[in-house]
């Protein structure tokens, strides 16, 4: 079984993706695409998030 994709947004439209999610009308997953060559942000010392 494969996930159902409702809408795909580019990373630069992340605010639009969030508004779409808040609206609550999606039927499947909301996908945010990240451009090739994009790197992760540097993890700051003391940050509890694991990369």
N, C-alpha and C. Protein backbone atom coordinates (compact mmCIF):
# COMPACT_ATOMS: atom_id res chain seq x y z
N UNK A 1 0.84 -1.16 0.00
CA UNK A 1 0.00 0.00 0.00
C UNK A 1 0.90 1.25 0.00
N UNK A 2 0.64 2.16 -0.89
CA UNK A 2 1.43 3.38 -1.00
C UNK A 2 0.67 4.56 -0.41
N UNK A 3 1.39 5.53 0.17
CA UNK A 3 0.70 6.71 0.70
C UNK A 3 0.06 7.53 -0.42
N UNK A 4 -1.04 8.18 -0.12
CA UNK A 4 -1.72 9.04 -1.07
C UNK A 4 -1.17 10.45 -0.90
N UNK A 5 -0.71 11.07 -2.00
CA UNK A 5 -0.18 12.42 -1.95
C UNK A 5 -1.28 13.39 -2.34
N UNK A 6 -1.60 14.30 -1.44
CA UNK A 6 -2.63 15.31 -1.69
C UNK A 6 -2.05 16.44 -2.53
N UNK A 7 -0.95 17.04 -2.05
CA UNK A 7 -0.36 18.21 -2.70
C UNK A 7 1.14 18.20 -2.47
N UNK A 8 1.88 18.74 -3.44
CA UNK A 8 3.33 18.89 -3.32
C UNK A 8 3.67 20.37 -3.38
N UNK A 9 4.49 20.82 -2.43
CA UNK A 9 4.94 22.21 -2.38
C UNK A 9 6.46 22.25 -2.43
N UNK A 10 7.05 23.26 -3.11
CA UNK A 10 8.50 23.44 -3.02
C UNK A 10 8.83 24.03 -1.64
N UNK A 11 10.05 23.83 -1.19
CA UNK A 11 10.46 24.33 0.12
C UNK A 11 10.23 25.83 0.26
N UNK A 12 10.43 26.57 -0.82
CA UNK A 12 10.24 28.03 -0.74
C UNK A 12 8.79 28.42 -0.49
N UNK A 13 7.85 27.48 -0.62
CA UNK A 13 6.43 27.75 -0.36
C UNK A 13 5.96 27.04 0.90
N UNK A 14 6.87 26.89 1.87
CA UNK A 14 6.54 26.15 3.09
C UNK A 14 5.37 26.80 3.84
N UNK A 15 5.26 28.13 3.79
CA UNK A 15 4.14 28.80 4.46
C UNK A 15 2.81 28.40 3.81
N UNK A 16 2.81 28.27 2.49
CA UNK A 16 1.59 27.84 1.79
C UNK A 16 1.23 26.40 2.18
N UNK A 17 2.25 25.56 2.31
CA UNK A 17 2.01 24.17 2.71
C UNK A 17 1.40 24.12 4.11
N UNK A 18 1.90 24.94 5.00
CA UNK A 18 1.37 24.97 6.36
C UNK A 18 -0.07 25.48 6.38
N UNK A 19 -0.36 26.50 5.60
CA UNK A 19 -1.74 26.99 5.51
C UNK A 19 -2.67 25.92 4.97
N UNK A 20 -2.21 25.17 3.97
CA UNK A 20 -3.01 24.10 3.39
C UNK A 20 -3.31 23.04 4.45
N UNK A 21 -2.31 22.72 5.25
CA UNK A 21 -2.49 21.74 6.32
C UNK A 21 -3.46 22.24 7.37
N UNK A 22 -3.35 23.52 7.75
CA UNK A 22 -4.25 24.09 8.75
C UNK A 22 -5.70 24.14 8.27
N UNK A 23 -5.88 24.31 6.96
CA UNK A 23 -7.22 24.37 6.40
C UNK A 23 -7.96 23.06 6.61
N UNK A 24 -7.22 21.96 6.60
CA UNK A 24 -7.80 20.66 6.93
C UNK A 24 -8.52 19.95 5.80
N UNK A 25 -8.39 20.41 4.58
CA UNK A 25 -9.11 19.78 3.49
C UNK A 25 -8.34 18.70 2.75
N UNK A 26 -7.11 18.41 3.20
CA UNK A 26 -6.31 17.43 2.48
C UNK A 26 -6.86 16.02 2.66
N UNK A 27 -6.64 15.21 1.64
CA UNK A 27 -7.11 13.84 1.65
C UNK A 27 -5.95 12.88 1.88
N UNK A 28 -4.73 13.32 1.58
CA UNK A 28 -3.54 12.48 1.76
C UNK A 28 -2.42 13.28 2.37
N UNK A 29 -1.21 12.89 2.04
CA UNK A 29 -0.02 13.54 2.58
C UNK A 29 0.30 14.83 1.84
N UNK A 30 0.89 15.77 2.57
CA UNK A 30 1.40 17.00 1.97
C UNK A 30 2.90 16.82 1.88
N UNK A 31 3.44 16.96 0.69
CA UNK A 31 4.87 16.74 0.45
C UNK A 31 5.56 18.07 0.22
N UNK A 32 6.70 18.26 0.87
CA UNK A 32 7.53 19.45 0.66
C UNK A 32 8.81 18.98 0.00
N UNK A 33 9.06 19.48 -1.21
CA UNK A 33 10.26 19.07 -1.94
C UNK A 33 11.42 20.01 -1.60
N UNK A 34 12.60 19.41 -1.46
CA UNK A 34 13.82 20.15 -1.12
C UNK A 34 14.74 20.09 -2.33
N UNK A 35 15.24 21.26 -2.77
CA UNK A 35 16.11 21.27 -3.94
C UNK A 35 17.37 20.41 -3.73
N UNK A 36 17.81 19.78 -4.81
CA UNK A 36 19.04 18.98 -4.76
C UNK A 36 20.20 19.88 -4.33
N UNK A 37 21.09 19.33 -3.54
CA UNK A 37 22.25 20.09 -3.08
C UNK A 37 22.00 20.87 -1.81
N UNK A 38 20.77 20.84 -1.30
CA UNK A 38 20.47 21.54 -0.05
C UNK A 38 21.06 20.73 1.09
N UNK A 39 21.72 21.40 2.00
CA UNK A 39 22.33 20.71 3.14
C UNK A 39 21.56 21.00 4.41
N UNK A 40 21.76 20.17 5.39
CA UNK A 40 21.13 20.38 6.68
C UNK A 40 21.77 21.57 7.38
N UNK A 41 21.01 22.24 8.23
CA UNK A 41 21.62 23.31 9.01
C UNK A 41 22.61 22.73 10.01
N UNK A 42 23.57 23.53 10.40
CA UNK A 42 24.54 23.08 11.40
C UNK A 42 23.84 22.98 12.74
N UNK A 43 24.09 21.90 13.43
CA UNK A 43 23.48 21.69 14.73
C UNK A 43 24.24 22.51 15.77
N UNK A 44 23.52 23.31 16.52
CA UNK A 44 24.13 24.15 17.54
C UNK A 44 24.34 23.33 18.81
N UNK A 45 25.43 23.62 19.51
CA UNK A 45 25.75 22.92 20.74
C UNK A 45 24.59 23.09 21.74
N UNK A 46 24.18 22.01 22.33
CA UNK A 46 23.10 22.05 23.30
C UNK A 46 21.72 21.86 22.71
N UNK A 47 21.64 21.77 21.38
CA UNK A 47 20.36 21.56 20.72
C UNK A 47 19.89 20.13 20.97
N UNK A 48 18.67 19.95 21.49
CA UNK A 48 18.21 18.59 21.81
C UNK A 48 17.82 17.78 20.57
N UNK A 49 17.69 18.42 19.43
CA UNK A 49 17.27 17.71 18.22
C UNK A 49 18.40 16.87 17.66
N UNK A 50 18.10 15.64 17.30
CA UNK A 50 19.10 14.77 16.68
C UNK A 50 18.96 14.85 15.19
N UNK A 51 20.08 14.88 14.48
CA UNK A 51 20.07 14.88 13.02
C UNK A 51 20.45 13.53 12.59
